[in-house]
Protein backbone atom coordinates (compact mmCIF):
# COMPACT_ATOMS: atom_id res chain seq x y z
CA MET A 1 0.00 0.00 0.00
CA GLU A 2 1.35 3.41 -1.02
CA PRO A 3 1.91 5.91 1.85
CA THR A 4 -0.69 8.68 1.87
CA SER A 5 0.11 12.37 1.96
CA GLU A 6 -1.40 12.52 5.46
CA ASN A 7 0.93 9.77 6.77
CA HIS A 8 3.91 11.48 5.16
CA ASN A 9 3.08 14.79 6.85
CA LEU A 10 2.69 13.02 10.22
CA LEU A 11 6.10 11.39 9.82
CA VAL A 12 7.71 14.72 8.98
CA PHE A 13 6.04 16.32 12.03
CA ILE A 14 7.34 13.56 14.34
CA LEU A 15 10.86 13.94 12.97
CA ILE A 16 10.70 17.71 13.55
CA ILE A 17 9.60 17.14 17.19
CA PHE A 18 12.49 14.73 17.77
CA ALA A 19 14.92 17.22 16.23
CA LEU A 20 13.63 20.03 18.46
CA GLU A 21 13.89 17.84 21.57
CA ALA A 22 17.48 16.95 20.64
CA ILE A 23 18.35 20.64 20.20
CA LEU A 24 16.71 21.60 23.51
CA PHE A 25 18.44 18.70 25.29
CA SER A 26 21.77 19.83 23.86
CA ILE A 27 21.15 23.43 24.93
CA GLY A 28 20.13 22.24 28.41
CA ASN A 29 23.28 20.16 28.74
CA ASP A 30 25.39 23.09 27.61
CA LYS A 31 23.79 25.28 30.28
CA LEU A 32 24.34 22.64 32.96
CA ASN A 33 27.94 22.17 31.87
CA PHE A 34 28.50 25.92 31.88
CA ALA A 35 26.97 26.25 35.36
CA PHE A 36 29.12 23.36 36.62
CA ILE A 37 32.31 24.77 35.11
CA THR A 38 31.50 28.24 36.48
CA GLY A 39 30.79 26.83 39.93
CA GLU A 40 34.00 24.80 39.99
CA SER A 41 35.97 27.81 38.78
CA LYS A 42 34.60 29.89 41.65
CA LEU A 43 35.47 27.13 44.11
CA VAL A 44 39.07 26.90 42.85
CA LYS A 45 39.37 30.68 43.05
CA ILE A 46 38.22 30.84 46.66
CA GLN A 47 40.41 27.88 47.60
CA ASN A 48 43.41 29.78 46.27
CA ILE A 49 42.42 32.77 48.40
CA PHE A 50 42.12 30.65 51.55
CA ALA A 51 45.50 29.08 50.89
CA ASP A 52 47.06 32.48 51.57
CA ILE A 53 44.74 33.83 54.27
CA PRO A 54 46.70 34.86 57.41
CA VAL A 55 45.19 33.06 60.40
CA GLU A 56 46.61 31.96 63.73
CA ALA A 57 44.76 28.63 63.66
CA LYS A 58 46.75 25.47 63.04
CA ALA A 59 43.74 23.94 61.31
CA PHE A 60 40.35 24.97 59.98
CA SER A 61 37.62 23.47 57.84
CA ILE A 62 34.83 25.10 55.82
CA TYR A 63 31.89 22.97 54.71
CA ASP A 64 28.82 23.87 52.65
CA GLN A 65 26.02 21.81 54.19
CA THR A 66 23.52 22.92 51.55
CA LEU A 67 25.62 21.53 48.68
CA ASP A 68 27.22 18.80 50.83
CA ARG A 69 30.76 19.69 49.84
CA LYS A 70 33.94 20.95 51.46
CA ILE A 71 34.85 24.48 50.45
CA TYR A 72 38.33 24.47 51.96
CA GLY A 73 40.43 22.78 54.61
CA LYS A 74 43.78 23.50 56.23
CA ASN A 75 45.12 20.47 58.12
CA ASP A 76 41.45 19.61 58.54
CA GLY A 77 42.01 15.86 58.70
CA THR A 78 44.57 16.13 61.50
CA GLU A 79 43.52 14.93 64.94
CA MET A 80 43.88 17.76 67.45
CA PRO A 81 42.71 18.65 71.00
CA ILE A 82 39.24 20.17 70.76
CA ALA A 83 38.75 21.43 74.34
CA SER A 84 35.12 22.35 75.10
CA LEU A 85 33.93 21.53 71.59
CA ALA A 86 33.73 18.06 73.18
CA LYS A 87 30.64 19.25 75.06
CA ILE A 88 28.73 19.17 71.77
CA MET A 89 29.09 15.40 71.58
CA THR A 90 28.48 15.11 75.33
CA VAL A 91 25.08 16.72 74.83
CA ILE A 92 24.33 14.57 71.75
CA THR A 93 25.16 11.43 73.72
CA ALA A 94 23.14 12.50 76.77
CA LEU A 95 20.08 13.24 74.61
CA ASN A 96 20.36 10.15 72.43
CA GLY A 97 17.40 7.84 72.95
CA ARG A 98 16.09 9.77 75.94
CA GLN A 99 13.23 12.15 76.65
CA GLN A 100 14.49 15.71 76.99
CA ASP A 101 12.29 16.22 80.05
CA GLU A 102 14.11 13.47 81.96
CA VAL A 103 15.79 14.78 85.10
CA ALA A 104 19.53 14.75 85.84
CA SER A 105 21.03 15.55 89.24
CA ILE A 106 24.22 17.43 90.10
CA SER A 107 26.76 15.46 92.14
CA LEU A 108 29.59 16.68 94.35
CA GLU A 109 32.04 15.43 91.70
CA ALA A 110 30.33 17.58 89.06
CA ILE A 111 30.57 20.65 91.28
CA GLY A 112 34.28 19.92 91.71
CA GLN A 113 35.03 20.41 88.01
CA GLU A 114 37.18 23.35 86.90
CA THR A 115 35.44 26.76 87.20
CA ASP A 116 32.24 27.42 89.13
CA TYR A 117 28.99 27.97 87.25
CA GLY A 118 26.82 28.22 90.33
CA LEU A 119 25.14 24.82 90.23
CA LEU A 120 24.36 23.20 93.59
CA THR A 121 25.04 19.70 94.89
CA GLY A 122 21.88 17.64 94.60
CA GLU A 123 20.17 20.16 92.33
CA LYS A 124 18.00 18.63 89.62
CA PHE A 125 17.51 19.78 86.03
CA LYS A 126 15.62 18.67 82.97
CA ILE A 127 18.23 17.29 80.58
CA LYS A 128 17.33 19.77 77.84
CA ASP A 129 17.75 22.75 80.20
CA LEU A 130 21.06 21.50 81.57
CA ALA A 131 22.24 20.82 78.00
CA LYS A 132 21.47 24.38 76.84
CA PHE A 133 23.14 25.87 79.93
CA THR A 134 26.20 23.68 79.38
CA LEU A 135 26.55 24.67 75.72
CA VAL A 136 25.96 28.42 76.05
CA GLY A 137 28.26 28.92 79.03
CA SER A 138 30.59 25.98 78.33
CA ALA A 139 29.82 24.73 81.84
CA ASN A 140 32.12 21.91 82.96
CA ASP A 141 29.91 20.94 85.89
CA GLY A 142 26.93 20.68 83.55
CA ALA A 143 28.83 18.51 81.07
CA TYR A 144 30.09 16.25 83.86
CA ALA A 145 26.56 15.88 85.25
CA LEU A 146 25.13 14.98 81.83
CA ALA A 147 27.82 12.34 81.41
CA GLU A 148 27.48 10.75 84.84
CA ASN A 149 23.71 10.56 84.37
CA THR A 150 24.32 8.59 81.15
CA GLU A 151 25.15 4.89 81.51
CA ASN A 152 28.43 3.73 79.92
CA PHE A 153 29.05 7.28 78.78
CA LEU A 154 32.59 7.01 77.39
CA GLN A 155 31.74 3.97 75.30
CA LYS A 156 28.57 5.60 74.02
CA ILE A 157 30.18 8.93 73.13
CA ASN A 158 32.94 7.26 71.10
CA ASP A 159 30.51 4.85 69.43
CA LYS A 160 28.24 7.73 68.48
CA ALA A 161 31.15 9.68 67.02
CA ARG A 162 31.99 6.76 64.74
CA LYS A 163 28.38 6.35 63.67
CA ILE A 164 28.11 9.92 62.42
CA GLY A 165 31.36 9.64 60.46
CA MET A 166 33.94 11.13 62.82
CA GLU A 167 36.91 9.01 61.79
CA ASN A 168 39.69 10.97 63.52
CA THR A 169 38.08 11.45 66.92
CA LEU A 170 38.58 10.09 70.43
CA PHE A 171 36.95 11.18 73.69
CA PHE A 172 38.51 10.57 77.10
CA ASN A 173 36.17 12.75 79.14
CA SER A 174 32.95 14.74 78.83
CA THR A 175 34.30 18.26 79.28
CA GLY A 176 37.26 18.41 76.89
CA LEU A 177 39.43 19.67 79.73
CA ASP A 178 43.08 18.63 79.52
CA VAL A 179 43.81 15.50 81.57
CA ASP A 180 47.32 16.83 82.28
CA ASP A 181 49.91 19.03 80.57
CA LYS A 182 50.51 16.46 77.82
CA PHE A 183 47.20 14.67 77.41
CA ALA A 184 43.94 16.27 76.22
CA GLY A 185 40.44 15.20 77.19
CA ALA A 186 39.22 14.91 73.60
CA TYR A 187 40.73 14.84 70.11
CA ALA A 188 39.17 15.35 66.70
CA SER A 189 39.89 16.81 63.29
CA ALA A 190 38.35 20.08 62.15
CA GLN A 191 36.54 18.15 59.45
CA ASP A 192 35.08 15.78 62.06
CA VAL A 193 33.94 18.67 64.24
CA ASN A 194 32.01 20.13 61.31
CA ALA A 195 30.32 16.76 60.80
CA MET A 196 29.45 16.63 64.51
CA ASN A 197 27.99 20.14 64.50
CA VAL A 198 25.89 19.61 61.39
CA TYR A 199 24.49 16.42 62.93
CA ALA A 200 23.81 18.11 66.29
CA LEU A 201 21.87 21.02 64.81
CA ARG A 202 19.86 18.78 62.51
CA LYS A 203 19.08 16.14 65.18
CA TYR A 204 18.34 18.45 68.15
CA PRO A 205 17.58 21.92 66.70
CA ASP A 206 15.69 23.17 69.77
CA VAL A 207 18.70 22.51 72.02
CA PHE A 208 21.60 23.52 69.77
CA SER A 209 19.93 26.64 68.39
CA ALA A 210 20.17 28.03 71.93
CA THR A 211 23.94 28.35 71.39
CA VAL A 212 23.45 31.66 69.54
CA MET A 213 21.84 33.36 72.55
CA PRO A 214 24.04 36.08 74.13
CA GLU A 215 22.76 35.08 77.55
CA MET A 216 20.30 32.58 78.91
CA LYS A 217 18.49 31.90 82.15
CA ILE A 218 17.21 28.54 83.34
CA GLU A 219 15.39 27.32 86.41
CA SER A 220 16.14 23.95 87.94
CA GLU A 221 13.49 21.47 89.05
CA SER A 222 14.74 22.26 92.53
CA GLY A 223 13.51 25.83 92.17
CA PHE A 224 16.79 27.68 91.73
CA SER A 225 17.49 30.12 88.90
CA HIS A 226 20.79 30.30 86.99
CA SER A 227 22.00 32.61 84.24
CA VAL A 228 25.03 32.32 82.01
CA LYS A 229 26.62 34.41 79.26
CA ASN A 230 27.68 33.04 75.89
CA THR A 231 31.41 32.40 75.53
CA ASN A 232 31.46 33.48 71.86
CA ALA A 233 32.61 37.12 71.80
CA ILE A 234 31.58 37.73 68.16
CA LEU A 235 27.97 36.51 68.14
CA ASP A 236 26.75 39.87 66.85
CA LYS A 237 29.34 39.93 64.06
CA ILE A 238 28.14 36.77 62.32
CA PRO A 239 24.93 37.29 60.32
CA ASN A 240 22.25 34.58 60.34
CA LEU A 241 24.11 32.56 62.95
CA LEU A 242 22.53 29.15 63.57
CA PHE A 243 25.01 27.46 65.92
CA SER A 244 28.08 28.40 67.95
CA LYS A 245 30.54 26.77 70.37
CA THR A 246 33.89 27.80 71.80
CA GLY A 247 36.78 25.85 73.28
CA LEU A 248 39.94 26.86 75.14
CA THR A 249 42.56 24.86 77.07
CA PRO A 250 46.36 25.09 77.33
CA LEU A 251 46.85 22.09 75.03
CA ALA A 252 44.11 22.93 72.53
CA GLY A 253 44.63 26.66 72.33
CA GLY A 254 41.62 28.60 71.10
CA ASN A 255 38.89 26.75 69.19
CA LEU A 256 35.67 28.01 67.65
CA ALA A 257 32.94 26.35 65.60
CA VAL A 258 29.90 27.94 63.96
CA ILE A 259 27.16 27.26 61.44
CA TYR A 260 25.59 30.24 59.70
CA LYS A 261 23.46 30.93 56.64
CA ASN A 262 25.10 33.09 54.00
CA LYS A 263 23.34 35.69 51.85
CA TYR A 264 22.48 33.08 49.23
CA GLY A 265 20.85 30.72 51.72
CA HIS A 266 23.71 28.22 52.00
CA GLU A 267 24.32 26.79 55.47
CA ILE A 268 28.07 27.02 56.06
CA ALA A 269 29.86 25.14 58.85
CA ILE A 270 33.28 26.42 59.96
CA THR A 271 35.59 24.93 62.59
CA ILE A 272 38.82 26.56 63.81
CA LEU A 273 41.33 24.55 65.88
CA GLY A 274 44.64 25.45 67.49
CA SER A 275 44.34 29.23 67.45
CA THR A 276 44.63 31.48 70.50
CA SER A 277 42.09 32.87 72.96
CA GLU A 278 41.57 36.02 70.90
CA GLY A 279 42.86 34.67 67.60
CA ARG A 280 39.99 32.22 67.20
CA PHE A 281 37.58 35.14 66.94
CA SER A 282 39.67 37.23 64.53
CA ASP A 283 40.36 34.08 62.47
CA MET A 284 36.63 33.38 62.19
CA GLU A 285 35.89 36.95 61.15
CA LYS A 286 38.56 36.77 58.42
CA ILE A 287 37.17 33.51 57.08
CA ILE A 288 33.57 34.71 57.01
CA ASP A 289 34.56 38.07 55.47
CA THR A 290 36.54 36.25 52.79
CA LEU A 291 33.53 34.08 51.95
CA TYR A 292 31.32 37.16 51.80
CA ASN A 293 33.66 39.15 49.58
CA SER A 294 34.23 36.21 47.25
CA ASP A 295 30.47 36.10 46.54
CA TYR A 296 30.51 32.39 47.36
CA GLY A 297 27.17 30.72 46.66
CA SER A 298 26.04 33.24 44.06
CA PRO A 299 23.82 31.59 41.41
CA ASN A 300 25.53 33.65 38.69
């Protein structure tokens, strides 16, 4: 049977549609490739800038949680003392599998920890309140109490670290305080600390979001009120701050970890290790300013 004119026209129309789809697909691929190349070019450019940035920190790591990729790292896989950044994992471990309204009590041993945060022997707190107080003020007595109210704490904290991908991490106590002048209470890499912080904020946002408060006040189940000031001196200098924690011991030096949202909506995690008491803050400001000025995360 001879093909009709109508069938011929239909065939031509189908071929034209296929040709148009092929052209559009090619254009789409070109756009995607261009966007990818542009994005990678920007990343290489900012990495070159960070390679020369003058910071006091021995190590730091910058991670884009939104895109799930590392922006830059300096010695960020090296295991280092993390001081009070250990309290982040202490809180995660204390909250894991438990109701946040469970009550923890303060022992004489907890009160005996370095520095006095005003807690009382025998005083009782809801775990979530004690956790917030511990994080904001970096309270050693609070961290110790959370740990001793958690069965098999040291095993659990190290197991949990492994489960969330912290490969270069080891905890020897709940506070991060140095054991002696040669041995730290907790070790981790800057890259691992970022992973820990991202997990903490995602898993327990109501607790860890409290870390951006300049000051907080809690009341114990025993009826006593306590207030504490945030240990991060540059809270007001970091826009859209979502999470913050400091650390400082003789062995660790000055440490600081934050998560903030940049002007393009990317959640950026930054950890600084091995700086100084004041240097950790100036280092963080330099890093965030560099990210801002580089226009990192721009869609164009």
